[in-house]
PDB file of N, CA and C in Angstrom:
ATOM      1  N   UNK A   1      13.373   5.052  11.805  1.00  0.00           N
ATOM      2  CA  UNK A   1      12.003   4.720  12.165  1.00  0.00           C
ATOM      3  C   UNK A   1      11.465   3.605  11.276  1.00  0.00           C
ATOM      4  N   UNK A   2      11.768   3.678   9.979  1.00  0.00           N
ATOM      5  CA  UNK A   2      11.294   2.645   9.055  1.00  0.00           C
ATOM      6  C   UNK A   2      11.920   1.307   9.404  1.00  0.00           C
ATOM      7  N   UNK A   3      13.218   1.320   9.717  1.00  0.00           N
ATOM      8  CA  UNK A   3      13.894   0.076  10.081  1.00  0.00           C
ATOM      9  C   UNK A   3      13.290  -0.474  11.363  1.00  0.00           C
ATOM     10  N   UNK A   4      13.063   0.386  12.358  1.00  0.00           N
ATOM     11  CA  UNK A   4      12.482  -0.054  13.624  1.00  0.00           C
ATOM     12  C   UNK A   4      11.104  -0.651  13.402  1.00  0.00           C
ATOM     13  N   UNK A   5      10.257   0.015  12.616  1.00  0.00           N
ATOM     14  CA  UNK A   5       8.926  -0.518  12.343  1.00  0.00           C
ATOM     15  C   UNK A   5       9.000  -1.873  11.650  1.00  0.00           C
ATOM     16  N   UNK A   6       9.961  -2.003  10.737  1.00  0.00           N
ATOM     17  CA  UNK A   6      10.108  -3.268  10.017  1.00  0.00           C
ATOM     18  C   UNK A   6      10.540  -4.369  10.982  1.00  0.00           C
ATOM     19  N   UNK A   7      11.435  -4.058  11.913  1.00  0.00           N
ATOM     20  CA  UNK A   7      11.876  -5.042  12.902  1.00  0.00           C
ATOM     21  C   UNK A   7      10.700  -5.441  13.786  1.00  0.00           C
ATOM     22  N   UNK A   8       9.937  -4.453  14.237  1.00  0.00           N
ATOM     23  CA  UNK A   8       8.777  -4.746  15.074  1.00  0.00           C
ATOM     24  C   UNK A   8       7.782  -5.589  14.304  1.00  0.00           C
ATOM     25  N   UNK A   9       7.571  -5.287  13.018  1.00  0.00           N
ATOM     26  CA  UNK A   9       6.652  -6.077  12.213  1.00  0.00           C
ATOM     27  C   UNK A   9       7.117  -7.530  12.141  1.00  0.00           C
ATOM     28  N   UNK A  10       8.399  -7.720  11.941  1.00  0.00           N
ATOM     29  CA  UNK A  10       8.921  -9.080  11.852  1.00  0.00           C
ATOM     30  C   UNK A  10       8.761  -9.811  13.180  1.00  0.00           C
ATOM     31  N   UNK A  11       9.101  -9.156  14.281  1.00  0.00           N
ATOM     32  CA  UNK A  11       8.929  -9.779  15.592  1.00  0.00           C
ATOM     33  C   UNK A  11       7.457 -10.080  15.862  1.00  0.00           C
ATOM     34  N   UNK A  12       6.596  -9.134  15.540  1.00  0.00           N
ATOM     35  CA  UNK A  12       5.170  -9.314  15.824  1.00  0.00           C
ATOM     36  C   UNK A  12       4.617 -10.504  15.051  1.00  0.00           C
ATOM     37  N   UNK A  13       5.012 -10.627  13.811  1.00  0.00           N
ATOM     38  CA  UNK A  13       4.512 -11.744  13.024  1.00  0.00           C
ATOM     39  C   UNK A  13       5.087 -13.057  13.510  1.00  0.00           C
ATOM     40  N   UNK A  14       6.365 -13.035  13.861  1.00  0.00           N
ATOM     41  CA  UNK A  14       7.004 -14.258  14.336  1.00  0.00           C
ATOM     42  C   UNK A  14       6.465 -14.672  15.698  1.00  0.00           C
ATOM     43  N   UNK A  15       6.216 -13.713  16.592  1.00  0.00           N
ATOM     44  CA  UNK A  15       5.783 -14.012  17.946  1.00  0.00           C
ATOM     45  C   UNK A  15       4.278 -14.257  18.023  1.00  0.00           C
ATOM     46  N   UNK A  16       3.570 -14.032  16.929  1.00  0.00           N
ATOM     47  CA  UNK A  16       2.127 -14.237  16.875  1.00  0.00           C
ATOM     48  C   UNK A  16       1.376 -13.432  17.924  1.00  0.00           C
ATOM     49  N   UNK A  17       1.712 -12.156  18.029  1.00  0.00           N
ATOM     50  CA  UNK A  17       0.908 -11.265  18.858  1.00  0.00           C
ATOM     51  C   UNK A  17       1.527 -10.831  20.163  1.00  0.00           C
ATOM     52  N   UNK A  18       2.574 -11.475  20.632  1.00  0.00           N
ATOM     53  CA  UNK A  18       3.166 -11.056  21.898  1.00  0.00           C
ATOM     54  C   UNK A  18       4.663 -10.879  21.741  1.00  0.00           C
ATOM     55  N   UNK A  19       5.197  -9.965  22.522  1.00  0.00           N
ATOM     56  CA  UNK A  19       6.620  -9.701  22.477  1.00  0.00           C
ATOM     57  C   UNK A  19       7.076  -9.331  23.873  1.00  0.00           C
ATOM     58  N   UNK A  20       8.280  -9.690  24.217  1.00  0.00           N
ATOM     59  CA  UNK A  20       8.792  -9.350  25.533  1.00  0.00           C
ATOM     60  C   UNK A  20       8.353 -10.372  26.563  1.00  0.00           C
ATOM     61  N   UNK A  21       8.084  -9.896  27.759  1.00  0.00           N
ATOM     62  CA  UNK A  21       7.782 -10.794  28.865  1.00  0.00           C
ATOM     63  C   UNK A  21       6.292 -11.023  29.060  1.00  0.00           C
ATOM     64  N   UNK A  22       5.484 -10.746  28.054  1.00  0.00           N
ATOM     65  CA  UNK A  22       4.042 -10.981  28.164  1.00  0.00           C
ATOM     66  C   UNK A  22       3.760 -12.457  28.366  1.00  0.00           C
ATOM     67  N   UNK A  23       4.475 -13.306  27.630  1.00  0.00           N
ATOM     68  CA  UNK A  23       4.277 -14.747  27.798  1.00  0.00           C
ATOM     69  C   UNK A  23       4.603 -15.174  29.220  1.00  0.00           C
ATOM     70  N   UNK A  24       5.691 -14.635  29.776  1.00  0.00           N
ATOM     71  CA  UNK A  24       6.057 -14.980  31.145  1.00  0.00           C
ATOM     72  C   UNK A  24       4.975 -14.549  32.125  1.00  0.00           C
ATOM     73  N   UNK A  25       4.395 -13.369  31.874  1.00  0.00           N
ATOM     74  CA  UNK A  25       3.308 -12.876  32.739  1.00  0.00           C
ATOM     75  C   UNK A  25       2.082 -13.763  32.605  1.00  0.00           C
ATOM     76  N   UNK A  26       1.699 -14.087  31.368  1.00  0.00           N
ATOM     77  CA  UNK A  26       0.519 -14.919  31.153  1.00  0.00           C
ATOM     78  C   UNK A  26       0.704 -16.317  31.715  1.00  0.00           C
ATOM     79  N   UNK A  27       1.937 -16.809  31.735  1.00  0.00           N
ATOM     80  CA  UNK A  27       2.209 -18.133  32.297  1.00  0.00           C
ATOM     81  C   UNK A  27       2.440 -18.090  33.804  1.00  0.00           C
ATOM     82  N   UNK A  28       2.353 -16.895  34.403  1.00  0.00           N
ATOM     83  CA  UNK A  28       2.497 -16.770  35.845  1.00  0.00           C
ATOM     84  C   UNK A  28       3.930 -16.811  36.352  1.00  0.00           C
ATOM     85  N   UNK A  29       4.900 -16.622  35.460  1.00  0.00           N
ATOM     86  CA  UNK A  29       6.300 -16.691  35.875  1.00  0.00           C
ATOM     87  C   UNK A  29       6.785 -15.386  36.492  1.00  0.00           C
ATOM     88  N   UNK A  30       6.176 -14.258  36.114  1.00  0.00           N
ATOM     89  CA  UNK A  30       6.529 -12.963  36.689  1.00  0.00           C
ATOM     90  C   UNK A  30       5.247 -12.195  36.978  1.00  0.00           C
ATOM     91  N   UNK A  31       5.364 -11.138  37.762  1.00  0.00           N
ATOM     92  CA  UNK A  31       4.193 -10.329  38.107  1.00  0.00           C
ATOM     93  C   UNK A  31       3.894  -9.338  36.989  1.00  0.00           C
ATOM     94  N   UNK A  32       2.716  -8.746  37.043  1.00  0.00           N
ATOM     95  CA  UNK A  32       2.327  -7.757  36.035  1.00  0.00           C
ATOM     96  C   UNK A  32       3.259  -6.551  36.082  1.00  0.00           C
ATOM     97  N   UNK A  33       3.644  -6.131  37.293  1.00  0.00           N
ATOM     98  CA  UNK A  33       4.528  -4.976  37.430  1.00  0.00           C
ATOM     99  C   UNK A  33       5.883  -5.247  36.790  1.00  0.00           C
ATOM    100  N   UNK A  34       6.408  -6.455  36.959  1.00  0.00           N
ATOM    101  CA  UNK A  34       7.684  -6.806  36.340  1.00  0.00           C
ATOM    102  C   UNK A  34       7.564  -6.819  34.816  1.00  0.00           C
ATOM    103  N   UNK A  35       6.473  -7.330  34.319  1.00  0.00           N
ATOM    104  CA  UNK A  35       6.280  -7.402  32.872  1.00  0.00           C
ATOM    105  C   UNK A  35       6.123  -6.022  32.262  1.00  0.00           C
ATOM    106  N   UNK A  36       5.420  -5.118  32.968  1.00  0.00           N
ATOM    107  CA  UNK A  36       5.175  -3.780  32.429  1.00  0.00           C
ATOM    108  C   UNK A  36       6.446  -2.954  32.337  1.00  0.00           C
ATOM    109  N   UNK A  37       7.406  -3.204  33.216  1.00  0.00           N
ATOM    110  CA  UNK A  37       8.634  -2.418  33.222  1.00  0.00           C
ATOM    111  C   UNK A  37       9.791  -3.127  32.536  1.00  0.00           C
ATOM    112  N   UNK A  38       9.570  -4.317  32.003  1.00  0.00           N
ATOM    113  CA  UNK A  38      10.660  -5.104  31.431  1.00  0.00           C
ATOM    114  C   UNK A  38      11.271  -4.456  30.196  1.00  0.00           C
ATOM    115  N   UNK A  39      10.448  -3.954  29.299  1.00  0.00           N
ATOM    116  CA  UNK A  39      10.943  -3.401  28.043  1.00  0.00           C
ATOM    117  C   UNK A  39       9.870  -2.516  27.436  1.00  0.00           C
ATOM    118  N   UNK A  40      10.270  -1.452  26.740  1.00  0.00           N
ATOM    119  CA  UNK A  40       9.258  -0.625  26.070  1.00  0.00           C
ATOM    120  C   UNK A  40       8.560  -1.370  24.927  1.00  0.00           C
ATOM    121  N   UNK A  41       9.155  -2.463  24.448  1.00  0.00           N
ATOM    122  CA  UNK A  41       8.537  -3.237  23.382  1.00  0.00           C
ATOM    123  C   UNK A  41       7.549  -4.277  23.901  1.00  0.00           C
ATOM    124  N   UNK A  42       7.514  -4.463  25.226  1.00  0.00           N
ATOM    125  CA  UNK A  42       6.611  -5.443  25.810  1.00  0.00           C
ATOM    126  C   UNK A  42       5.170  -5.019  25.575  1.00  0.00           C
ATOM    127  N   UNK A  43       4.347  -5.952  25.196  1.00  0.00           N
ATOM    128  CA  UNK A  43       2.939  -5.661  24.989  1.00  0.00           C
ATOM    129  C   UNK A  43       2.341  -6.581  23.950  1.00  0.00           C
ATOM    130  N   UNK A  44       1.157  -6.239  23.518  1.00  0.00           N
ATOM    131  CA  UNK A  44       0.451  -7.032  22.522  1.00  0.00           C
ATOM    132  C   UNK A  44       0.493  -6.313  21.188  1.00  0.00           C
ATOM    133  N   UNK A  45       0.778  -7.058  20.153  1.00  0.00           N
ATOM    134  CA  UNK A  45       0.819  -6.516  18.806  1.00  0.00           C
ATOM    135  C   UNK A  45      -0.320  -7.119  17.996  1.00  0.00           C
ATOM    136  N   UNK A  46      -0.998  -6.275  17.239  1.00  0.00           N
ATOM    137  CA  UNK A  46      -2.094  -6.737  16.399  1.00  0.00           C
ATOM    138  C   UNK A  46      -1.874  -6.269  14.971  1.00  0.00           C
ATOM    139  N   UNK A  47      -2.286  -7.098  14.032  1.00  0.00           N
ATOM    140  CA  UNK A  47      -2.279  -6.694  12.635  1.00  0.00           C
ATOM    141  C   UNK A  47      -3.695  -6.236  12.322  1.00  0.00           C
ATOM    142  N   UNK A  48      -3.839  -4.962  11.969  1.00  0.00           N
ATOM    143  CA  UNK A  48      -5.136  -4.413  11.617  1.00  0.00           C
ATOM    144  C   UNK A  48      -5.169  -4.191  10.118  1.00  0.00           C
ATOM    145  N   UNK A  49      -6.201  -4.709   9.487  1.00  0.00           N
ATOM    146  CA  UNK A  49      -6.336  -4.566   8.044  1.00  0.00           C
ATOM    147  C   UNK A  49      -7.181  -3.330   7.756  1.00  0.00           C
ATOM    148  N   UNK A  50      -6.545  -2.325   7.156  1.00  0.00           N
ATOM    149  CA  UNK A  50      -7.211  -1.072   6.834  1.00  0.00           C
ATOM    150  C   UNK A  50      -7.305  -0.934   5.326  1.00  0.00           C
ATOM    151  N   UNK A  51      -7.990   0.118   4.874  1.00  0.00           N
ATOM    152  CA  UNK A  51      -8.079   0.348   3.435  1.00  0.00           C
ATOM    153  C   UNK A  51      -6.723   0.726   2.846  1.00  0.00           C
ATOM    154  N   UNK A  52      -5.785   1.116   3.688  1.00  0.00           N
ATOM    155  CA  UNK A  52      -4.433   1.444   3.233  1.00  0.00           C
ATOM    156  C   UNK A  52      -3.515   0.231   3.268  1.00  0.00           C
ATOM    157  N   UNK A  53      -4.020  -0.889   3.753  1.00  0.00           N
ATOM    158  CA  UNK A  53      -3.229  -2.103   3.857  1.00  0.00           C
ATOM    159  C   UNK A  53      -3.043  -2.497   5.315  1.00  0.00           C
ATOM    160  N   UNK A  54      -2.358  -3.602   5.557  1.00  0.00           N
ATOM    161  CA  UNK A  54      -2.186  -4.064   6.936  1.00  0.00           C
ATOM    162  C   UNK A  54      -1.293  -3.114   7.738  1.00  0.00           C
ATOM    163  N   UNK A  55      -1.675  -2.869   8.987  1.00  0.00           N
ATOM    164  CA  UNK A  55      -0.906  -2.017   9.892  1.00  0.00           C
ATOM    165  C   UNK A  55      -0.682  -2.772  11.197  1.00  0.00           C
ATOM    166  N   UNK A  56       0.472  -2.564  11.772  1.00  0.00           N
ATOM    167  CA  UNK A  56       0.805  -3.165  13.063  1.00  0.00           C
ATOM    168  C   UNK A  56       0.478  -2.148  14.146  1.00  0.00           C
ATOM    169  N   UNK A  57      -0.300  -2.570  15.155  1.00  0.00           N
ATOM    170  CA  UNK A  57      -0.553  -1.680  16.283  1.00  0.00           C
ATOM    171  C   UNK A  57      -0.009  -2.328  17.547  1.00  0.00           C
ATOM    172  N   UNK A  58       0.460  -1.498  18.442  1.00  0.00           N
ATOM    173  CA  UNK A  58       1.065  -1.954  19.681  1.00  0.00           C
ATOM    174  C   UNK A  58       0.240  -1.464  20.859  1.00  0.00           C
ATOM    175  N   UNK A  59      -0.127  -2.378  21.752  1.00  0.00           N
ATOM    176  CA  UNK A  59      -0.846  -2.011  22.958  1.00  0.00           C
ATOM    177  C   UNK A  59       0.024  -2.410  24.141  1.00  0.00           C
ATOM    178  N   UNK A  60       0.326  -1.434  24.985  1.00  0.00           N
ATOM    179  CA  UNK A  60       1.163  -1.713  26.133  1.00  0.00           C
ATOM    180  C   UNK A  60       0.449  -2.651  27.097  1.00  0.00           C
ATOM    181  N   UNK A  61       1.235  -3.417  27.812  1.00  0.00           N
ATOM    182  CA  UNK A  61       0.688  -4.331  28.813  1.00  0.00           C
ATOM    183  C   UNK A  61       0.119  -3.522  29.970  1.00  0.00           C
ATOM    184  N   UNK A  62      -1.049  -3.882  30.423  1.00  0.00           N
ATOM    185  CA  UNK A  62      -1.661  -3.197  31.557  1.00  0.00           C
ATOM    186  C   UNK A  62      -2.314  -4.227  32.462  1.00  0.00           C
ATOM    187  N   UNK A  63      -2.519  -3.848  33.694  1.00  0.00           N
ATOM    188  CA  UNK A  63      -3.168  -4.724  34.657  1.00  0.00           C
ATOM    189  C   UNK A  63      -4.633  -4.306  34.742  1.00  0.00           C
ATOM    190  N   UNK A  64      -5.555  -5.151  34.264  1.00  0.00           N
ATOM    191  CA  UNK A  64      -6.966  -4.762  34.281  1.00  0.00           C
ATOM    192  C   UNK A  64      -7.506  -4.702  35.706  1.00  0.00           C
ATOM    193  N   UNK A  65      -8.517  -3.872  35.876  1.00  0.00           N
ATOM    194  CA  UNK A  65      -9.147  -3.765  37.181  1.00  0.00           C
ATOM    195  C   UNK A  65     -10.496  -4.475  37.151  1.00  0.00           C
ATOM    196  N   UNK A  66     -10.950  -4.883  38.292  1.00  0.00           N
ATOM    197  CA  UNK A  66     -12.240  -5.543  38.415  1.00  0.00           C
ATOM    198  C   UNK A  66     -12.908  -4.970  39.661  1.00  0.00           C
ATOM    199  N   UNK A  67     -13.613  -3.842  39.516  1.00  0.00           N
ATOM    200  CA  UNK A  67     -14.158  -3.168  40.693  1.00  0.00           C
ATOM    201  C   UNK A  67     -15.271  -3.943  41.391  1.00  0.00           C
ATOM    202  N   UNK A  68     -15.930  -4.872  40.708  1.00  0.00           N
ATOM    203  CA  UNK A  68     -17.005  -5.684  41.266  1.00  0.00           C
ATOM    204  C   UNK A  68     -18.076  -4.837  41.948  1.00  0.00           C
ATOM    205  N   UNK A  69     -18.589  -3.864  41.214  1.00  0.00           N
ATOM    206  CA  UNK A  69     -19.661  -3.036  41.745  1.00  0.00           C
ATOM    207  C   UNK A  69     -20.956  -3.836  41.771  1.00  0.00           C
ATOM    208  N   UNK A  70     -21.949  -3.317  42.481  1.00  0.00           N
ATOM    209  CA  UNK A  70     -23.244  -3.985  42.569  1.00  0.00           C
ATOM    210  C   UNK A  70     -23.861  -4.100  41.170  1.00  0.00           C
ATOM    211  N   UNK A  71     -23.764  -3.028  40.384  1.00  0.00           N
ATOM    212  CA  UNK A  71     -24.327  -3.033  39.033  1.00  0.00           C
ATOM    213  C   UNK A  71     -23.632  -4.064  38.142  1.00  0.00           C
ATOM    214  N   UNK A  72     -22.304  -4.146  38.265  1.00  0.00           N
ATOM    215  CA  UNK A  72     -21.543  -5.096  37.463  1.00  0.00           C
ATOM    216  C   UNK A  72     -21.922  -6.528  37.828  1.00  0.00           C
ATOM    217  N   UNK A  73     -22.035  -6.804  39.105  1.00  0.00           N
ATOM    218  CA  UNK A  73     -22.410  -8.144  39.549  1.00  0.00           C
ATOM    219  C   UNK A  73     -23.824  -8.502  39.105  1.00  0.00           C
ATOM    220  N   UNK A  74     -24.733  -7.527  39.133  1.00  0.00           N
ATOM    221  CA  UNK A  74     -26.108  -7.774  38.682  1.00  0.00           C
ATOM    222  C   UNK A  74     -26.115  -8.104  37.196  1.00  0.00           C
ATOM    223  N   UNK A  75     -25.340  -7.357  36.396  1.00  0.00           N
ATOM    224  CA  UNK A  75     -25.278  -7.618  34.961  1.00  0.00           C
ATOM    225  C   UNK A  75     -24.673  -8.995  34.690  1.00  0.00           C
ATOM    226  N   UNK A  76     -23.655  -9.362  35.433  1.00  0.00           N
ATOM    227  CA  UNK A  76     -23.037 -10.680  35.245  1.00  0.00           C
ATOM    228  C   UNK A  76     -24.024 -11.804  35.548  1.00  0.00           C
ATOM    229  N   UNK A  77     -24.835 -11.629  36.569  1.00  0.00           N
ATOM    230  CA  UNK A  77     -25.801 -12.680  36.902  1.00  0.00           C
ATOM    231  C   UNK A  77     -26.885 -12.772  35.820  1.00  0.00           C
ATOM    232  N   UNK A  78     -27.317 -11.619  35.286  1.00  0.00           N
ATOM    233  CA  UNK A  78     -28.288 -11.630  34.182  1.00  0.00           C
ATOM    234  C   UNK A  78     -27.674 -12.322  32.970  1.00  0.00           C
ATOM    235  N   UNK A  79     -26.431 -12.010  32.663  1.00  0.00           N
ATOM    236  CA  UNK A  79     -25.756 -12.606  31.511  1.00  0.00           C
ATOM    237  C   UNK A  79     -25.624 -14.119  31.689  1.00  0.00           C
ATOM    238  N   UNK A  80     -25.226 -14.555  32.887  1.00  0.00           N
ATOM    239  CA  UNK A  80     -25.079 -15.988  33.156  1.00  0.00           C
ATOM    240  C   UNK A  80     -26.407 -16.722  33.002  1.00  0.00           C
ATOM    241  N   UNK A  81     -27.481 -16.111  33.508  1.00  0.00           N
ATOM    242  CA  UNK A  81     -28.803 -16.724  33.372  1.00  0.00           C
ATOM    243  C   UNK A  81     -29.202 -16.821  31.908  1.00  0.00           C
ATOM    244  N   UNK A  82     -28.869 -15.802  31.113  1.00  0.00           N
ATOM    245  CA  UNK A  82     -29.168 -15.826  29.683  1.00  0.00           C
ATOM    246  C   UNK A  82     -28.426 -16.932  28.960  1.00  0.00           C
ATOM    247  N   UNK A  83     -27.164 -17.128  29.312  1.00  0.00           N
ATOM    248  CA  UNK A  83     -26.375 -18.196  28.685  1.00  0.00           C
ATOM    249  C   UNK A  83     -26.980 -19.555  29.021  1.00  0.00           C
ATOM    250  N   UNK A  84     -27.346 -19.757  30.279  1.00  0.00           N
ATOM    251  CA  UNK A  84     -27.963 -21.027  30.670  1.00  0.00           C
ATOM    252  C   UNK A  84     -29.277 -21.249  29.931  1.00  0.00           C
ATOM    253  N   UNK A  85     -30.062 -20.181  29.771  1.00  0.00           N
ATOM    254  CA  UNK A  85     -31.327 -20.295  29.053  1.00  0.00           C
ATOM    255  C   UNK A  85     -31.086 -20.637  27.583  1.00  0.00           C
ATOM    256  N   UNK A  86     -30.089 -20.005  26.952  1.00  0.00           N
ATOM    257  CA  UNK A  86     -29.746 -20.303  25.560  1.00  0.00           C
ATOM    258  C   UNK A  86     -29.346 -21.776  25.431  1.00  0.00           C
ATOM    259  N   UNK A  87     -28.555 -22.262  26.360  1.00  0.00           N
ATOM    260  CA  UNK A  87     -28.090 -23.645  26.298  1.00  0.00           C
ATOM    261  C   UNK A  87     -29.237 -24.638  26.464  1.00  0.00           C
ATOM    262  N   UNK A  88     -30.309 -24.210  27.107  1.00  0.00           N
ATOM    263  CA  UNK A  88     -31.445 -25.115  27.317  1.00  0.00           C
ATOM    264  C   UNK A  88     -32.429 -25.100  26.144  1.00  0.00           C
ATOM    265  N   UNK A  89     -32.251 -24.188  25.178  1.00  0.00           N
ATOM    266  CA  UNK A  89     -33.143 -24.142  24.020  1.00  0.00           C
ATOM    267  C   UNK A  89     -32.947 -25.366  23.135  1.00  0.00           C
ATOM    268  N   UNK A  90     -34.006 -25.718  22.420  1.00  0.00           N
ATOM    269  CA  UNK A  90     -33.908 -26.828  21.471  1.00  0.00           C
ATOM    270  C   UNK A  90     -33.175 -26.356  20.218  1.00  0.00           C
ATOM    271  N   UNK A  91     -32.784 -27.320  19.414  1.00  0.00           N
ATOM    272  CA  UNK A  91     -32.082 -26.997  18.166  1.00  0.00           C
ATOM    273  C   UNK A  91     -32.981 -26.179  17.246  1.00  0.00           C
ATOM    274  N   UNK A  92     -34.288 -26.496  17.237  1.00  0.00           N
ATOM    275  CA  UNK A  92     -35.229 -25.763  16.387  1.00  0.00           C
ATOM    276  C   UNK A  92     -35.333 -24.301  16.827  1.00  0.00           C
ATOM    277  N   UNK A  93     -35.387 -24.071  18.159  1.00  0.00           N
ATOM    278  CA  UNK A  93     -35.460 -22.698  18.665  1.00  0.00           C
ATOM    279  C   UNK A  93     -34.196 -21.914  18.310  1.00  0.00           C
ATOM    280  N   UNK A  94     -33.045 -22.556  18.448  1.00  0.00           N
ATOM    281  CA  UNK A  94     -31.783 -21.896  18.107  1.00  0.00           C
ATOM    282  C   UNK A  94     -31.728 -21.572  16.613  1.00  0.00           C
ATOM    283  N   UNK A  95     -32.268 -22.471  15.792  1.00  0.00           N
ATOM    284  CA  UNK A  95     -32.293 -22.225  14.350  1.00  0.00           C
ATOM    285  C   UNK A  95     -33.159 -21.009  14.028  1.00  0.00           C
ATOM    286  N   UNK A  96     -34.286 -20.861  14.716  1.00  0.00           N
ATOM    287  CA  UNK A  96     -35.135 -19.683  14.511  1.00  0.00           C
ATOM    288  C   UNK A  96     -34.377 -18.398  14.837  1.00  0.00           C
ATOM    289  N   UNK A  97     -33.644 -18.403  15.944  1.00  0.00           N
ATOM    290  CA  UNK A  97     -32.844 -17.222  16.296  1.00  0.00           C
ATOM    291  C   UNK A  97     -31.745 -16.983  15.264  1.00  0.00           C
ATOM    292  N   UNK A  98     -31.110 -18.045  14.809  1.00  0.00           N
ATOM    293  CA  UNK A  98     -30.054 -17.884  13.799  1.00  0.00           C
ATOM    294  C   UNK A  98     -30.615 -17.298  12.507  1.00  0.00           C
ATOM    295  N   UNK A  99     -31.804 -17.743  12.110  1.00  0.00           N
ATOM    296  CA  UNK A  99     -32.424 -17.207  10.894  1.00  0.00           C
ATOM    297  C   UNK A  99     -32.790 -15.734  11.059  1.00  0.00           C
ATOM    298  N   UNK A 100     -33.362 -15.376  12.213  1.00  0.00           N
ATOM    299  CA  UNK A 100     -33.723 -13.980  12.470  1.00  0.00           C
ATOM    300  C   UNK A 100     -32.493 -13.088  12.549  1.00  0.00           C
ATOM    301  N   UNK A 101     -31.403 -13.633  13.058  1.00  0.00           N
ATOM    302  CA  UNK A 101     -30.192 -12.833  13.287  1.00  0.00           C
ATOM    303  C   UNK A 101     -29.454 -12.490  11.999  1.00  0.00           C
ATOM    304  N   UNK A 102     -29.710 -13.225  10.933  1.00  0.00           N
ATOM    305  CA  UNK A 102     -28.987 -12.984   9.672  1.00  0.00           C
ATOM    306  C   UNK A 102     -29.178 -11.565   9.165  1.00  0.00           C
ATOM    307  N   UNK A 103     -30.362 -10.995   9.374  1.00  0.00           N
ATOM    308  CA  UNK A 103     -30.599  -9.635   8.886  1.00  0.00           C
ATOM    309  C   UNK A 103     -29.747  -8.600   9.613  1.00  0.00           C
ATOM    310  N   UNK A 104     -29.297  -8.923  10.817  1.00  0.00           N
ATOM    311  CA  UNK A 104     -28.439  -8.011  11.590  1.00  0.00           C
ATOM    312  C   UNK A 104     -26.958  -8.371  11.484  1.00  0.00           C
ATOM    313  N   UNK A 105     -26.662  -9.456  10.802  1.00  0.00           N
ATOM    314  CA  UNK A 105     -25.302 -10.006  10.742  1.00  0.00           C
ATOM    315  C   UNK A 105     -24.808 -10.385  12.136  1.00  0.00           C
ATOM    316  N   UNK A 106     -25.716 -10.924  12.924  1.00  0.00           N
ATOM    317  CA  UNK A 106     -25.421 -11.447  14.257  1.00  0.00           C
ATOM    318  C   UNK A 106     -25.437 -12.960  14.184  1.00  0.00           C
ATOM    319  N   UNK A 107     -24.996 -13.552  15.265  1.00  0.00           N
ATOM    320  CA  UNK A 107     -25.277 -14.971  15.462  1.00  0.00           C
ATOM    321  C   UNK A 107     -26.599 -15.051  16.217  1.00  0.00           C
ATOM    322  N   UNK A 108     -27.213 -16.208  16.191  1.00  0.00           N
ATOM    323  CA  UNK A 108     -28.452 -16.389  16.932  1.00  0.00           C
ATOM    324  C   UNK A 108     -28.252 -16.167  18.420  1.00  0.00           C
ATOM    325  N   UNK A 109     -27.103 -16.594  18.923  1.00  0.00           N
ATOM    326  CA  UNK A 109     -26.791 -16.406  20.339  1.00  0.00           C
ATOM    327  C   UNK A 109     -26.741 -14.924  20.693  1.00  0.00           C
ATOM    328  N   UNK A 110     -26.074 -14.125  19.849  1.00  0.00           N
ATOM    329  CA  UNK A 110     -25.967 -12.696  20.135  1.00  0.00           C
ATOM    330  C   UNK A 110     -27.329 -12.012  20.116  1.00  0.00           C
ATOM    331  N   UNK A 111     -28.179 -12.386  19.172  1.00  0.00           N
ATOM    332  CA  UNK A 111     -29.519 -11.814  19.122  1.00  0.00           C
ATOM    333  C   UNK A 111     -30.319 -12.215  20.361  1.00  0.00           C
ATOM    334  N   UNK A 112     -30.244 -13.487  20.710  1.00  0.00           N
ATOM    335  CA  UNK A 112     -30.949 -13.965  21.898  1.00  0.00           C
ATOM    336  C   UNK A 112     -30.487 -13.213  23.143  1.00  0.00           C
ATOM    337  N   UNK A 113     -29.176 -13.067  23.313  1.00  0.00           N
ATOM    338  CA  UNK A 113     -28.649 -12.392  24.496  1.00  0.00           C
ATOM    339  C   UNK A 113     -29.042 -10.924  24.524  1.00  0.00           C
ATOM    340  N   UNK A 114     -29.038 -10.273  23.372  1.00  0.00           N
ATOM    341  CA  UNK A 114     -29.443  -8.868  23.326  1.00  0.00           C
ATOM    342  C   UNK A 114     -30.893  -8.724  23.781  1.00  0.00           C
ATOM    343  N   UNK A 115     -31.750  -9.567  23.249  1.00  0.00           N
ATOM    344  CA  UNK A 115     -33.156  -9.494  23.634  1.00  0.00           C
ATOM    345  C   UNK A 115     -33.364  -9.874  25.100  1.00  0.00           C
ATOM    346  N   UNK A 116     -32.660 -10.898  25.542  1.00  0.00           N
ATOM    347  CA  UNK A 116     -32.809 -11.349  26.931  1.00  0.00           C
ATOM    348  C   UNK A 116     -32.359 -10.262  27.915  1.00  0.00           C
ATOM    349  N   UNK A 117     -31.198  -9.692  27.670  1.00  0.00           N
ATOM    350  CA  UNK A 117     -30.669  -8.661  28.576  1.00  0.00           C
ATOM    351  C   UNK A 117     -31.569  -7.433  28.573  1.00  0.00           C
ATOM    352  N   UNK A 118     -32.038  -7.031  27.407  1.00  0.00           N
ATOM    353  CA  UNK A 118     -32.917  -5.845  27.336  1.00  0.00           C
ATOM    354  C   UNK A 118     -34.229  -6.076  28.088  1.00  0.00           C
ATOM    355  N   UNK A 119     -34.784  -7.278  27.993  1.00  0.00           N
ATOM    356  CA  UNK A 119     -36.026  -7.542  28.727  1.00  0.00           C
ATOM    357  C   UNK A 119     -35.783  -7.629  30.226  1.00  0.00           C
ATOM    358  N   UNK A 120     -34.630  -8.129  30.635  1.00  0.00           N
ATOM    359  CA  UNK A 120     -34.320  -8.231  32.062  1.00  0.00           C
ATOM    360  C   UNK A 120     -34.087  -6.854  32.677  1.00  0.00           C
ATOM    361  N   UNK A 121     -33.511  -5.950  31.915  1.00  0.00           N
ATOM    362  CA  UNK A 121     -33.266  -4.599  32.427  1.00  0.00           C
ATOM    363  C   UNK A 121     -34.574  -3.826  32.642  1.00  0.00           C
ATOM    364  N   UNK A 122     -35.612  -4.198  31.882  1.00  0.00           N
ATOM    365  CA  UNK A 122     -36.906  -3.539  32.031  1.00  0.00           C
ATOM    366  C   UNK A 122     -37.621  -3.986  33.300  1.00  0.00           C
ATOM    367  N   UNK A 123     -37.276  -5.165  33.803  1.00  0.00           N
ATOM    368  CA  UNK A 123     -37.961  -5.681  34.987  1.00  0.00           C
ATOM    369  C   UNK A 123     -37.535  -5.003  36.265  1.00  0.00           C
TER     370      UNK A 123
END
């Protein structure tokens, strides 16, 4: 087990996060089903820094779903409108949000979006 973990660690570091046929799937060379069954080592590897030191975690490749519900589409349109509104703000307005956001350890954009989405949900 220790040898296997060490090999996986070396591959994960060398491959920079992907192993197996994930690259082929992301490049459109094979289907998701082919990539998922190619190898038990196929998937995404992440280095997580914990208080015990760095750990390698493995997440199997999966095919995400997009149900496109009415609620999801409504939220996406609110989010898109918020992004457009943020982009139309002046530099001074963005600086005000950035200054306010420091107390939360947010970016100004994240604070703006949180406030914008919360006010839109109330309407």
